[in-house]
Amino acid sequence: MVKTIKNQNRELYQCEECGLKYESKEIAEKCQAWCNEHKSCNLDIIKNAVKDL
């Protein structure tokens, strides 16, 4: 299950495997599933990550 984070008046979802954050819970869940299965990151998924401010 992805972690929900409140950040600068918005809600982000964090992959608990790699730590990347997303605005979409669905994409964060895809990231976490990929990380769990492959023990790596998928460039098509992580391009949607939100930069920490």
PDB file of N, CA and C in Angstrom:
ATOM      1  N   MET A   1       0.842  -1.187   0.000  1.00  0.00           N
ATOM      2  CA  MET A   1       0.000   0.000   0.000  1.00  0.00           C
ATOM      3  C   MET A   1       0.885   1.246   0.000  1.00  0.00           C
ATOM      4  N   VAL A   2       0.536   2.215  -0.807  1.00  0.00           N
ATOM      5  CA  VAL A   2       1.318   3.440  -0.899  1.00  0.00           C
ATOM      6  C   VAL A   2       1.021   4.343   0.299  1.00  0.00           C
ATOM      7  N   LYS A   3       1.969   5.199   0.589  1.00  0.00           N
ATOM      8  CA  LYS A   3       1.850   6.118   1.719  1.00  0.00           C
ATOM      9  C   LYS A   3       1.273   7.450   1.226  1.00  0.00           C
ATOM     10  N   THR A   4       0.332   8.015   1.979  1.00  0.00           N
ATOM     11  CA  THR A   4      -0.264   9.306   1.643  1.00  0.00           C
ATOM     12  C   THR A   4       0.449  10.397   2.434  1.00  0.00           C
ATOM     13  N   ILE A   5       0.839  11.462   1.738  1.00  0.00           N
ATOM     14  CA  ILE A   5       1.596  12.556   2.343  1.00  0.00           C
ATOM     15  C   ILE A   5       0.925  13.884   2.010  1.00  0.00           C
ATOM     16  N   LYS A   6       0.754  14.741   3.010  1.00  0.00           N
ATOM     17  CA  LYS A   6       0.285  16.109   2.782  1.00  0.00           C
ATOM     18  C   LYS A   6       1.519  16.973   2.573  1.00  0.00           C
ATOM     19  N   ASN A   7       1.576  17.677   1.441  1.00  0.00           N
ATOM     20  CA  ASN A   7       2.745  18.475   1.103  1.00  0.00           C
ATOM     21  C   ASN A   7       2.287  19.771   0.452  1.00  0.00           C
ATOM     22  N   GLN A   8       2.541  20.895   1.094  1.00  0.00           N
ATOM     23  CA  GLN A   8       2.217  22.222   0.558  1.00  0.00           C
ATOM     24  C   GLN A   8       0.785  22.291   0.021  1.00  0.00           C
ATOM     25  N   ASN A   9      -0.166  21.991   0.879  1.00  0.00           N
ATOM     26  CA  ASN A   9      -1.590  22.071   0.563  1.00  0.00           C
ATOM     27  C   ASN A   9      -2.048  21.126  -0.543  1.00  0.00           C
ATOM     28  N   ARG A  10      -1.308  20.057  -0.764  1.00  0.00           N
ATOM     29  CA  ARG A  10      -1.752  19.041  -1.721  1.00  0.00           C
ATOM     30  C   ARG A  10      -1.419  17.661  -1.168  1.00  0.00           C
ATOM     31  N   GLU A  11      -2.106  16.682  -1.695  1.00  0.00           N
ATOM     32  CA  GLU A  11      -1.917  15.321  -1.239  1.00  0.00           C
ATOM     33  C   GLU A  11      -1.077  14.568  -2.264  1.00  0.00           C
ATOM     34  N   LEU A  12      -0.014  13.935  -1.780  1.00  0.00           N
ATOM     35  CA  LEU A  12       0.848  13.142  -2.642  1.00  0.00           C
ATOM     36  C   LEU A  12       0.837  11.706  -2.161  1.00  0.00           C
ATOM     37  N   TYR A  13       1.211  10.797  -3.067  1.00  0.00           N
ATOM     38  CA  TYR A  13       1.252   9.382  -2.756  1.00  0.00           C
ATOM     39  C   TYR A  13       2.670   8.892  -3.011  1.00  0.00           C
ATOM     40  N   GLN A  14       3.227   8.182  -2.025  1.00  0.00           N
ATOM     41  CA  GLN A  14       4.630   7.779  -2.083  1.00  0.00           C
ATOM     42  C   GLN A  14       4.767   6.267  -2.210  1.00  0.00           C
ATOM     43  N   CYS A  15       5.582   5.846  -3.145  1.00  0.00           N
ATOM     44  CA  CYS A  15       5.961   4.439  -3.269  1.00  0.00           C
ATOM     45  C   CYS A  15       6.829   4.096  -2.070  1.00  0.00           C
ATOM     46  N   GLU A  16       6.455   3.088  -1.314  1.00  0.00           N
ATOM     47  CA  GLU A  16       7.216   2.737  -0.118  1.00  0.00           C
ATOM     48  C   GLU A  16       8.487   1.966  -0.443  1.00  0.00           C
ATOM     49  N   GLU A  17       8.659   1.537  -1.675  1.00  0.00           N
ATOM     50  CA  GLU A  17       9.873   0.823  -2.070  1.00  0.00           C
ATOM     51  C   GLU A  17      10.996   1.793  -2.455  1.00  0.00           C
ATOM     52  N   CYS A  18      10.707   2.712  -3.379  1.00  0.00           N
ATOM     53  CA  CYS A  18      11.763   3.614  -3.866  1.00  0.00           C
ATOM     54  C   CYS A  18      11.665   5.023  -3.288  1.00  0.00           C
ATOM     55  N   GLY A  19      10.505   5.381  -2.713  1.00  0.00           N
ATOM     56  CA  GLY A  19      10.354   6.685  -2.077  1.00  0.00           C
ATOM     57  C   GLY A  19       9.886   7.810  -2.989  1.00  0.00           C
ATOM     58  N   LEU A  20       9.685   7.529  -4.269  1.00  0.00           N
ATOM     59  CA  LEU A  20       9.214   8.585  -5.174  1.00  0.00           C
ATOM     60  C   LEU A  20       7.765   8.934  -4.867  1.00  0.00           C
ATOM     61  N   LYS A  21       7.412  10.195  -5.107  1.00  0.00           N
ATOM     62  CA  LYS A  21       6.075  10.703  -4.800  1.00  0.00           C
ATOM     63  C   LYS A  21       5.340  11.062  -6.085  1.00  0.00           C
ATOM     64  N   TYR A  22       4.014  10.857  -6.047  1.00  0.00           N
ATOM     65  CA  TYR A  22       3.164  11.089  -7.212  1.00  0.00           C
ATOM     66  C   TYR A  22       1.897  11.821  -6.796  1.00  0.00           C
ATOM     67  N   GLU A  23       1.308  12.563  -7.731  1.00  0.00           N
ATOM     68  CA  GLU A  23       0.020  13.213  -7.481  1.00  0.00           C
ATOM     69  C   GLU A  23      -1.124  12.220  -7.618  1.00  0.00           C
ATOM     70  N   SER A  24      -0.904  11.148  -8.358  1.00  0.00           N
ATOM     71  CA  SER A  24      -1.931  10.139  -8.606  1.00  0.00           C
ATOM     72  C   SER A  24      -1.663   8.881  -7.773  1.00  0.00           C
ATOM     73  N   LYS A  25      -2.665   8.458  -7.041  1.00  0.00           N
ATOM     74  CA  LYS A  25      -2.529   7.238  -6.248  1.00  0.00           C
ATOM     75  C   LYS A  25      -2.348   6.023  -7.160  1.00  0.00           C
ATOM     76  N   GLU A  26      -3.037   6.027  -8.284  1.00  0.00           N
ATOM     77  CA  GLU A  26      -2.948   4.909  -9.237  1.00  0.00           C
ATOM     78  C   GLU A  26      -1.517   4.732  -9.751  1.00  0.00           C
ATOM     79  N   ILE A  27      -0.856   5.819 -10.096  1.00  0.00           N
ATOM     80  CA  ILE A  27       0.512   5.736 -10.599  1.00  0.00           C
ATOM     81  C   ILE A  27       1.462   5.304  -9.484  1.00  0.00           C
ATOM     82  N   ALA A  28       1.262   5.794  -8.280  1.00  0.00           N
ATOM     83  CA  ALA A  28       2.092   5.383  -7.147  1.00  0.00           C
ATOM     84  C   ALA A  28       1.952   3.884  -6.891  1.00  0.00           C
ATOM     85  N   GLU A  29       0.737   3.362  -7.033  1.00  0.00           N
ATOM     86  CA  GLU A  29       0.518   1.928  -6.851  1.00  0.00           C
ATOM     87  C   GLU A  29       1.204   1.121  -7.950  1.00  0.00           C
ATOM     88  N   LYS A  30       1.186   1.636  -9.192  1.00  0.00           N
ATOM     89  CA  LYS A  30       1.893   0.974 -10.289  1.00  0.00           C
ATOM     90  C   LYS A  30       3.398   0.961 -10.027  1.00  0.00           C
ATOM     91  N   CYS A  31       3.908   2.086  -9.537  1.00  0.00           N
ATOM     92  CA  CYS A  31       5.330   2.192  -9.217  1.00  0.00           C
ATOM     93  C   CYS A  31       5.702   1.159  -8.153  1.00  0.00           C
ATOM     94  N   GLN A  32       4.918   1.102  -7.108  1.00  0.00           N
ATOM     95  CA  GLN A  32       5.217   0.183  -6.016  1.00  0.00           C
ATOM     96  C   GLN A  32       5.140  -1.275  -6.481  1.00  0.00           C
ATOM     97  N   ALA A  33       4.169  -1.595  -7.296  1.00  0.00           N
ATOM     98  CA  ALA A  33       4.045  -2.959  -7.821  1.00  0.00           C
ATOM     99  C   ALA A  33       5.267  -3.321  -8.662  1.00  0.00           C
ATOM    100  N   TRP A  34       5.696  -2.380  -9.515  1.00  0.00           N
ATOM    101  CA  TRP A  34       6.873  -2.620 -10.357  1.00  0.00           C
ATOM    102  C   TRP A  34       8.115  -2.809  -9.478  1.00  0.00           C
ATOM    103  N   CYS A  35       8.300  -1.909  -8.522  1.00  0.00           N
ATOM    104  CA  CYS A  35       9.474  -1.983  -7.638  1.00  0.00           C
ATOM    105  C   CYS A  35       9.508  -3.306  -6.873  1.00  0.00           C
ATOM    106  N   ASN A  36       8.364  -3.740  -6.368  1.00  0.00           N
ATOM    107  CA  ASN A  36       8.296  -4.993  -5.621  1.00  0.00           C
ATOM    108  C   ASN A  36       8.667  -6.178  -6.496  1.00  0.00           C
ATOM    109  N   GLU A  37       8.185  -6.173  -7.727  1.00  0.00           N
ATOM    110  CA  GLU A  37       8.401  -7.325  -8.607  1.00  0.00           C
ATOM    111  C   GLU A  37       9.792  -7.348  -9.215  1.00  0.00           C
ATOM    112  N   HIS A  38      10.286  -6.186  -9.647  1.00  0.00           N
ATOM    113  CA  HIS A  38      11.525  -6.136 -10.417  1.00  0.00           C
ATOM    114  C   HIS A  38      12.741  -5.615  -9.643  1.00  0.00           C
ATOM    115  N   LYS A  39      12.517  -5.060  -8.455  1.00  0.00           N
ATOM    116  CA  LYS A  39      13.604  -4.468  -7.653  1.00  0.00           C
ATOM    117  C   LYS A  39      14.371  -3.420  -8.444  1.00  0.00           C
ATOM    118  N   SER A  40      13.609  -2.643  -9.243  1.00  0.00           N
ATOM    119  CA  SER A  40      14.174  -1.548 -10.028  1.00  0.00           C
ATOM    120  C   SER A  40      13.053  -0.561 -10.321  1.00  0.00           C
ATOM    121  N   CYS A  41      13.414   0.564 -10.947  1.00  0.00           N
ATOM    122  CA  CYS A  41      12.411   1.553 -11.326  1.00  0.00           C
ATOM    123  C   CYS A  41      12.124   1.459 -12.820  1.00  0.00           C
ATOM    124  N   ASN A  42      10.916   1.838 -13.212  1.00  0.00           N
ATOM    125  CA  ASN A  42      10.486   1.836 -14.595  1.00  0.00           C
ATOM    126  C   ASN A  42      10.430   3.295 -15.061  1.00  0.00           C
ATOM    127  N   LEU A  43      11.192   3.625 -16.093  1.00  0.00           N
ATOM    128  CA  LEU A  43      11.268   5.013 -16.564  1.00  0.00           C
ATOM    129  C   LEU A  43       9.918   5.552 -17.021  1.00  0.00           C
ATOM    130  N   ASP A  44       9.070   4.705 -17.583  1.00  0.00           N
ATOM    131  CA  ASP A  44       7.749   5.153 -18.023  1.00  0.00           C
ATOM    132  C   ASP A  44       6.862   5.540 -16.834  1.00  0.00           C
ATOM    133  N   ILE A  45       7.117   4.952 -15.672  1.00  0.00           N
ATOM    134  CA  ILE A  45       6.348   5.276 -14.481  1.00  0.00           C
ATOM    135  C   ILE A  45       6.958   6.478 -13.764  1.00  0.00           C
ATOM    136  N   ILE A  46       8.270   6.450 -13.542  1.00  0.00           N
ATOM    137  CA  ILE A  46       8.883   7.494 -12.714  1.00  0.00           C
ATOM    138  C   ILE A  46       8.929   8.872 -13.389  1.00  0.00           C
ATOM    139  N   LYS A  47       8.662   8.923 -14.685  1.00  0.00           N
ATOM    140  CA  LYS A  47       8.612  10.244 -15.346  1.00  0.00           C
ATOM    141  C   LYS A  47       7.448  11.081 -14.800  1.00  0.00           C
ATOM    142  N   ASN A  48       6.515  10.427 -14.107  1.00  0.00           N
ATOM    143  CA  ASN A  48       5.372  11.120 -13.513  1.00  0.00           C
ATOM    144  C   ASN A  48       5.613  11.546 -12.067  1.00  0.00           C
ATOM    145  N   ALA A  49       6.792  11.251 -11.543  1.00  0.00           N
ATOM    146  CA  ALA A  49       7.090  11.593 -10.149  1.00  0.00           C
ATOM    147  C   ALA A  49       7.107  13.101  -9.948  1.00  0.00           C
ATOM    148  N   VAL A  50       6.771  13.510  -8.727  1.00  0.00           N
ATOM    149  CA  VAL A  50       6.746  14.916  -8.362  1.00  0.00           C
ATOM    150  C   VAL A  50       8.061  15.262  -7.672  1.00  0.00           C
ATOM    151  N   LYS A  51       8.655  16.356  -8.079  1.00  0.00           N
ATOM    152  CA  LYS A  51       9.895  16.809  -7.466  1.00  0.00           C
ATOM    153  C   LYS A  51       9.590  17.398  -6.081  1.00  0.00           C
ATOM    154  N   ASP A  52      10.379  17.010  -5.079  1.00  0.00           N
ATOM    155  CA  ASP A  52      10.222  17.579  -3.731  1.00  0.00           C
ATOM    156  C   ASP A  52      10.570  19.057  -3.756  1.00  0.00           C
ATOM    157  N   LEU A  53       9.719  19.847  -3.125  1.00  0.00           N
ATOM    158  CA  LEU A  53       9.963  21.302  -3.071  1.00  0.00           C
ATOM    159  C   LEU A  53      10.414  21.705  -1.697  1.00  0.00           C
TER     160      LEU A  53
END
